[in-house]
Amino acid sequence: MHKKEADGLEKISIINLKQYGVFRKHTVVSIDWNSHKTNKLLLRVYIALFLDDISPFILFKYEQKSRYSDSVIHFKYKVYITTTPCRYGGKRFWFICPCYRNFKHCEKRVGTLYKLGDYFACRHCHNLTYRSRNENHRNRFTSLFNILTIEQKIEDLSEKTKRYFYNGKPTRNQKRIDKLYGRARKNYNNYERKK
């Protein structure tokens, strides 16, 4: 099944909420998404943080046009948050994914929620991937870049190597260099086939 890329979707991250001051001031924040072509408002989400000792949550409130008619649908739901201690003091906030899949609550601890369809959820629930994960499959010059990387490794290893053979047998570094040359040859052959 082909995964949709998360890079172009509306998203809300803990980092953005910290920049808006949600965790310090406990204020209501609105986040807008505009169309790139017409600069028309596509979506405005109101976010309010409710911290209590039992179960802190962020309230998401927004409205959008129905995909099936001209009516407007109002959304208002809680996204629970949790914290983990930071290594040098303080705490890090996380969303608990509010999505239900296969009659089970996801409950993944994530830093970013994406909106695909009607609700915000983690990338696992929306079956999303990142553009960078697909770039190597699209890029026909990957083999050439790999060859350059391998050549650099061979050069670095050759500079460190004092002896290439000992008692008529190749040293460990010479075996590594030979293996890297084999990988470079294989990448070059892959590039030639893609031409």
C-alpha atoms as a PDB file:
ATOM      1  CA  MET A   1       0.000   0.000   0.000  1.00  0.00           C
ATOM      2  CA  HIS A   2       1.377   3.402  -1.016  1.00  0.00           C
ATOM      3  CA  LYS A   3       1.920   5.800   1.873  1.00  0.00           C
ATOM      4  CA  LYS A   4       1.041   9.482   1.586  1.00  0.00           C
ATOM      5  CA  GLU A   5       3.780  11.984   2.434  1.00  0.00           C
ATOM      6  CA  ALA A   6       3.402  13.919   5.681  1.00  0.00           C
ATOM      7  CA  ASP A   7       5.459  16.904   4.551  1.00  0.00           C
ATOM      8  CA  GLY A   8       2.623  18.787   2.817  1.00  0.00           C
ATOM      9  CA  LEU A   9      -0.096  18.199   5.422  1.00  0.00           C
ATOM     10  CA  GLU A  10      -1.340  20.464   8.183  1.00  0.00           C
ATOM     11  CA  LYS A  11       0.439  19.544  11.396  1.00  0.00           C
ATOM     12  CA  ILE A  12       0.655  20.638  14.983  1.00  0.00           C
ATOM     13  CA  SER A  13       3.823  19.923  16.908  1.00  0.00           C
ATOM     14  CA  ILE A  14       4.843  20.338  20.510  1.00  0.00           C
ATOM     15  CA  ILE A  15       7.711  22.557  19.332  1.00  0.00           C
ATOM     16  CA  ASN A  16       5.268  24.952  17.625  1.00  0.00           C
ATOM     17  CA  LEU A  17       3.047  25.070  20.696  1.00  0.00           C
ATOM     18  CA  LYS A  18       6.072  25.902  22.851  1.00  0.00           C
ATOM     19  CA  GLN A  19       6.963  28.727  20.437  1.00  0.00           C
ATOM     20  CA  TYR A  20       3.413  30.088  20.750  1.00  0.00           C
ATOM     21  CA  GLY A  21       3.811  30.001  24.544  1.00  0.00           C
ATOM     22  CA  VAL A  22       0.989  27.533  25.199  1.00  0.00           C
ATOM     23  CA  PHE A  23       2.869  25.732  27.986  1.00  0.00           C
ATOM     24  CA  ARG A  24       3.977  28.899  29.770  1.00  0.00           C
ATOM     25  CA  LYS A  25       0.982  31.197  29.603  1.00  0.00           C
ATOM     26  CA  HIS A  26      -1.851  28.647  29.418  1.00  0.00           C
ATOM     27  CA  THR A  27      -3.532  30.744  26.747  1.00  0.00           C
ATOM     28  CA  VAL A  28      -5.788  29.908  23.834  1.00  0.00           C
ATOM     29  CA  VAL A  29      -3.867  29.930  20.566  1.00  0.00           C
ATOM     30  CA  SER A  30      -5.156  29.872  17.022  1.00  0.00           C
ATOM     31  CA  ILE A  31      -3.134  28.347  14.199  1.00  0.00           C
ATOM     32  CA  ASP A  32      -4.059  29.179  10.598  1.00  0.00           C
ATOM     33  CA  TRP A  33      -3.337  27.371   7.343  1.00  0.00           C
ATOM     34  CA  ASN A  34      -3.723  29.352   4.121  1.00  0.00           C
ATOM     35  CA  SER A  35      -3.825  28.214   0.522  1.00  0.00           C
ATOM     36  CA  HIS A  36      -0.474  28.752  -1.202  1.00  0.00           C
ATOM     37  CA  LYS A  37      -2.152  29.872  -4.441  1.00  0.00           C
ATOM     38  CA  THR A  38      -4.971  32.130  -3.289  1.00  0.00           C
ATOM     39  CA  ASN A  39      -3.809  32.907   0.273  1.00  0.00           C
ATOM     40  CA  LYS A  40      -7.371  32.020   1.349  1.00  0.00           C
ATOM     41  CA  LEU A  41      -7.827  30.662   4.875  1.00  0.00           C
ATOM     42  CA  LEU A  42      -8.184  26.887   4.713  1.00  0.00           C
ATOM     43  CA  LEU A  43      -8.245  25.954   8.373  1.00  0.00           C
ATOM     44  CA  ARG A  44      -8.062  27.702  11.742  1.00  0.00           C
ATOM     45  CA  VAL A  45      -7.524  25.534  14.813  1.00  0.00           C
ATOM     46  CA  TYR A  46      -8.024  26.867  18.334  1.00  0.00           C
ATOM     47  CA  ILE A  47      -5.873  25.188  20.941  1.00  0.00           C
ATOM     48  CA  ALA A  48      -6.187  25.487  24.709  1.00  0.00           C
ATOM     49  CA  LEU A  49      -4.079  23.706  27.317  1.00  0.00           C
ATOM     50  CA  PHE A  50      -5.673  22.316  30.471  1.00  0.00           C
ATOM     51  CA  LEU A  51      -3.110  21.181  33.030  1.00  0.00           C
ATOM     52  CA  ASP A  52      -4.296  19.225  36.012  1.00  0.00           C
ATOM     53  CA  ASP A  53      -2.568  16.534  38.058  1.00  0.00           C
ATOM     54  CA  ILE A  54      -4.658  13.615  36.821  1.00  0.00           C
ATOM     55  CA  SER A  55      -4.743  13.897  33.043  1.00  0.00           C
ATOM     56  CA  PRO A  56      -3.551  17.076  31.314  1.00  0.00           C
ATOM     57  CA  PHE A  57      -4.942  17.640  27.828  1.00  0.00           C
ATOM     58  CA  ILE A  58      -5.064  20.061  24.944  1.00  0.00           C
ATOM     59  CA  LEU A  59      -8.460  20.962  23.538  1.00  0.00           C
ATOM     60  CA  PHE A  60      -8.627  21.105  19.733  1.00  0.00           C
ATOM     61  CA  LYS A  61     -11.481  23.134  18.262  1.00  0.00           C
ATOM     62  CA  TYR A  62     -12.002  23.832  14.550  1.00  0.00           C
ATOM     63  CA  GLU A  63     -14.547  23.732  11.784  1.00  0.00           C
ATOM     64  CA  GLN A  64     -14.320  22.688   8.174  1.00  0.00           C
ATOM     65  CA  LYS A  65     -16.563  22.202   5.185  1.00  0.00           C
ATOM     66  CA  SER A  66     -18.001  18.762   4.704  1.00  0.00           C
ATOM     67  CA  ARG A  67     -16.548  16.819   1.797  1.00  0.00           C
ATOM     68  CA  TYR A  68     -20.030  15.643   0.827  1.00  0.00           C
ATOM     69  CA  SER A  69     -22.111  18.832   1.093  1.00  0.00           C
ATOM     70  CA  ASP A  70     -21.812  22.582   1.689  1.00  0.00           C
ATOM     71  CA  SER A  71     -22.484  22.241   5.406  1.00  0.00           C
ATOM     72  CA  VAL A  72     -19.864  23.078   8.015  1.00  0.00           C
ATOM     73  CA  ILE A  73     -18.786  20.453  10.535  1.00  0.00           C
ATOM     74  CA  HIS A  74     -17.589  21.526  13.976  1.00  0.00           C
ATOM     75  CA  PHE A  75     -14.858  19.529  15.704  1.00  0.00           C
ATOM     76  CA  LYS A  76     -14.009  19.714  19.386  1.00  0.00           C
ATOM     77  CA  TYR A  77     -11.994  16.993  21.087  1.00  0.00           C
ATOM     78  CA  LYS A  78      -9.304  16.400  23.680  1.00  0.00           C
ATOM     79  CA  VAL A  79      -5.768  15.306  22.961  1.00  0.00           C
ATOM     80  CA  TYR A  80      -4.111  14.105  26.148  1.00  0.00           C
ATOM     81  CA  ILE A  81      -0.521  15.028  26.815  1.00  0.00           C
ATOM     82  CA  THR A  82       2.191  13.441  28.886  1.00  0.00           C
ATOM     83  CA  THR A  83       5.665  14.441  29.978  1.00  0.00           C
ATOM     84  CA  THR A  84       9.053  12.800  30.261  1.00  0.00           C
ATOM     85  CA  PRO A  85      11.951  14.129  32.299  1.00  0.00           C
ATOM     86  CA  CYS A  86      14.797  15.730  30.397  1.00  0.00           C
ATOM     87  CA  ARG A  87      18.358  14.637  31.064  1.00  0.00           C
ATOM     88  CA  TYR A  88      19.459  18.020  32.468  1.00  0.00           C
ATOM     89  CA  GLY A  89      16.259  18.959  34.274  1.00  0.00           C
ATOM     90  CA  GLY A  90      12.859  20.149  33.179  1.00  0.00           C
ATOM     91  CA  LYS A  91      10.351  18.099  31.260  1.00  0.00           C
ATOM     92  CA  ARG A  92       9.399  17.366  27.664  1.00  0.00           C
ATOM     93  CA  PHE A  93       5.771  17.380  26.552  1.00  0.00           C
ATOM     94  CA  TRP A  94       4.273  14.753  24.205  1.00  0.00           C
ATOM     95  CA  PHE A  95       0.897  14.244  22.558  1.00  0.00           C
ATOM     96  CA  ILE A  96      -0.925  10.974  23.150  1.00  0.00           C
ATOM     97  CA  CYS A  97      -2.408  10.116  19.760  1.00  0.00           C
ATOM     98  CA  PRO A  98      -6.233  10.375  20.000  1.00  0.00           C
ATOM     99  CA  CYS A  99      -6.958   8.106  17.027  1.00  0.00           C
ATOM    100  CA  TYR A 100      -8.782   4.787  17.119  1.00  0.00           C
ATOM    101  CA  ARG A 101      -7.713   2.074  14.659  1.00  0.00           C
ATOM    102  CA  ASN A 102      -9.164  -1.401  14.490  1.00  0.00           C
ATOM    103  CA  PHE A 103     -11.271  -0.687  17.593  1.00  0.00           C
ATOM    104  CA  LYS A 104      -8.158   0.102  19.639  1.00  0.00           C
ATOM    105  CA  HIS A 105      -6.939   3.429  20.960  1.00  0.00           C
ATOM    106  CA  CYS A 106      -3.510   4.243  19.435  1.00  0.00           C
ATOM    107  CA  GLU A 107      -2.010   5.991  22.503  1.00  0.00           C
ATOM    108  CA  LYS A 108       1.392   6.501  20.846  1.00  0.00           C
ATOM    109  CA  ARG A 109       3.515   9.201  22.433  1.00  0.00           C
ATOM    110  CA  VAL A 110       4.371  11.588  19.588  1.00  0.00           C
ATOM    111  CA  GLY A 111       5.703  15.103  19.100  1.00  0.00           C
ATOM    112  CA  THR A 112       3.631  15.929  16.004  1.00  0.00           C
ATOM    113  CA  LEU A 113       0.026  15.317  14.960  1.00  0.00           C
ATOM    114  CA  TYR A 114      -0.999  15.467  11.286  1.00  0.00           C
ATOM    115  CA  LYS A 115      -4.403  16.275   9.813  1.00  0.00           C
ATOM    116  CA  LEU A 116      -5.457  13.935   7.046  1.00  0.00           C
ATOM    117  CA  GLY A 117      -9.207  13.908   6.569  1.00  0.00           C
ATOM    118  CA  ASP A 118     -11.149  15.189   9.549  1.00  0.00           C
ATOM    119  CA  TYR A 119      -8.939  14.532  12.583  1.00  0.00           C
ATOM    120  CA  PHE A 120      -5.410  15.106  13.811  1.00  0.00           C
ATOM    121  CA  ALA A 121      -3.506  11.900  14.552  1.00  0.00           C
ATOM    122  CA  CYS A 122       0.033  10.514  14.495  1.00  0.00           C
ATOM    123  CA  ARG A 123       1.704   9.580  11.229  1.00  0.00           C
ATOM    124  CA  HIS A 124       1.371   5.878  12.036  1.00  0.00           C
ATOM    125  CA  CYS A 125      -2.422   6.076  12.273  1.00  0.00           C
ATOM    126  CA  HIS A 126      -2.651   8.062   9.032  1.00  0.00           C
ATOM    127  CA  ASN A 127      -0.144   5.671   7.390  1.00  0.00           C
ATOM    128  CA  LEU A 128       2.184   8.556   6.450  1.00  0.00           C
ATOM    129  CA  THR A 129       5.821   8.667   5.464  1.00  0.00           C
ATOM    130  CA  TYR A 130       8.332  11.475   4.973  1.00  0.00           C
ATOM    131  CA  ARG A 131       9.476  12.729   1.579  1.00  0.00           C
ATOM    132  CA  SER A 132      13.092  12.051   2.536  1.00  0.00           C
ATOM    133  CA  ARG A 133      12.273   8.356   3.027  1.00  0.00           C
ATOM    134  CA  ASN A 134      11.190   8.144  -0.618  1.00  0.00           C
ATOM    135  CA  GLU A 135      13.894  10.286  -2.202  1.00  0.00           C
ATOM    136  CA  ASN A 136      16.365   7.456  -2.754  1.00  0.00           C
ATOM    137  CA  HIS A 137      13.728   5.526  -4.681  1.00  0.00           C
ATOM    138  CA  ARG A 138      13.053   8.507  -6.922  1.00  0.00           C
ATOM    139  CA  ASN A 139      16.593   9.698  -7.400  1.00  0.00           C
ATOM    140  CA  ARG A 140      18.368   7.953 -10.243  1.00  0.00           C
ATOM    141  CA  PHE A 141      21.726   9.417  -9.189  1.00  0.00           C
ATOM    142  CA  THR A 142      21.736   7.650  -5.815  1.00  0.00           C
ATOM    143  CA  SER A 143      24.227   5.077  -7.082  1.00  0.00           C
ATOM    144  CA  LEU A 144      26.633   7.836  -8.099  1.00  0.00           C
ATOM    145  CA  PHE A 145      26.355   9.513  -4.699  1.00  0.00           C
ATOM    146  CA  ASN A 146      26.997   6.150  -3.060  1.00  0.00           C
ATOM    147  CA  ILE A 147      30.115   5.698  -5.213  1.00  0.00           C
ATOM    148  CA  LEU A 148      31.434   9.092  -4.092  1.00  0.00           C
ATOM    149  CA  THR A 149      30.782   8.223  -0.453  1.00  0.00           C
ATOM    150  CA  ILE A 150      32.512   4.853  -0.849  1.00  0.00           C
ATOM    151  CA  GLU A 151      35.483   6.487  -2.609  1.00  0.00           C
ATOM    152  CA  GLN A 152      35.848   8.867   0.342  1.00  0.00           C
ATOM    153  CA  LYS A 153      35.784   5.926   2.768  1.00  0.00           C
ATOM    154  CA  ILE A 154      38.429   4.111   0.695  1.00  0.00           C
ATOM    155  CA  GLU A 155      40.613   7.214   0.689  1.00  0.00           C
ATOM    156  CA  ASP A 156      40.292   7.686   4.462  1.00  0.00           C
ATOM    157  CA  LEU A 157      41.012   4.018   5.121  1.00  0.00           C
ATOM    158  CA  SER A 158      44.026   4.033   2.767  1.00  0.00           C
ATOM    159  CA  GLU A 159      45.518   7.011   4.620  1.00  0.00           C
ATOM    160  CA  LYS A 160      45.225   5.184   7.942  1.00  0.00           C
ATOM    161  CA  THR A 161      46.587   1.881   6.633  1.00  0.00           C
ATOM    162  CA  LYS A 162      50.307   1.298   7.247  1.00  0.00           C
ATOM    163  CA  ARG A 163      50.549  -2.210   5.771  1.00  0.00           C
ATOM    164  CA  TYR A 164      48.327  -3.752   3.164  1.00  0.00           C
ATOM    165  CA  PHE A 165      49.745  -7.286   3.462  1.00  0.00           C
ATOM    166  CA  TYR A 166      51.321  -9.252   6.306  1.00  0.00           C
ATOM    167  CA  ASN A 167      52.969 -12.650   5.746  1.00  0.00           C
ATOM    168  CA  GLY A 168      51.598 -12.697   2.215  1.00  0.00           C
ATOM    169  CA  LYS A 169      47.990 -12.253   3.388  1.00  0.00           C
ATOM    170  CA  PRO A 170      45.890  -9.074   3.175  1.00  0.00           C
ATOM    171  CA  THR A 171      45.483  -7.152   6.429  1.00  0.00           C
ATOM    172  CA  ARG A 172      42.085  -6.378   7.918  1.00  0.00           C
ATOM    173  CA  ASN A 173      42.125  -2.869   6.445  1.00  0.00           C
ATOM    174  CA  GLN A 174      43.065  -4.219   2.996  1.00  0.00           C
ATOM    175  CA  LYS A 175      40.081  -6.611   3.181  1.00  0.00           C
ATOM    176  CA  ARG A 176      37.834  -3.654   4.045  1.00  0.00           C
ATOM    177  CA  ILE A 177      39.215  -1.663   1.108  1.00  0.00           C
ATOM    178  CA  ASP A 178      38.617  -4.616  -1.248  1.00  0.00           C
ATOM    179  CA  LYS A 179      35.049  -4.933   0.020  1.00  0.00           C
ATOM    180  CA  LEU A 180      34.444  -1.192  -0.517  1.00  0.00           C
ATOM    181  CA  TYR A 181      35.776  -1.455  -4.096  1.00  0.00           C
ATOM    182  CA  GLY A 182      33.288  -4.287  -4.674  1.00  0.00           C
ATOM    183  CA  ARG A 183      30.433  -2.124  -3.388  1.00  0.00           C
ATOM    184  CA  ALA A 184      31.546   0.769  -5.607  1.00  0.00           C
ATOM    185  CA  ARG A 185      31.591  -1.541  -8.649  1.00  0.00           C
ATOM    186  CA  LYS A 186      28.084  -2.791  -7.812  1.00  0.00           C
ATOM    187  CA  ASN A 187      26.763   0.799  -7.480  1.00  0.00           C
ATOM    188  CA  TYR A 188      28.366   1.748 -10.786  1.00  0.00           C
ATOM    189  CA  ASN A 189      26.683  -1.215 -12.486  1.00  0.00           C
ATOM    190  CA  ASN A 190      23.325  -0.156 -10.964  1.00  0.00           C
ATOM    191  CA  TYR A 191      23.832   3.368 -12.327  1.00  0.00           C
ATOM    192  CA  GLU A 192      24.650   2.031 -15.805  1.00  0.00           C
ATOM    193  CA  ARG A 193      21.442  -0.045 -15.815  1.00  0.00           C
ATOM    194  CA  LYS A 194      19.300   2.978 -14.852  1.00  0.00           C
ATOM    195  CA  LYS A 195      20.620   5.132 -17.719  1.00  0.00           C
END
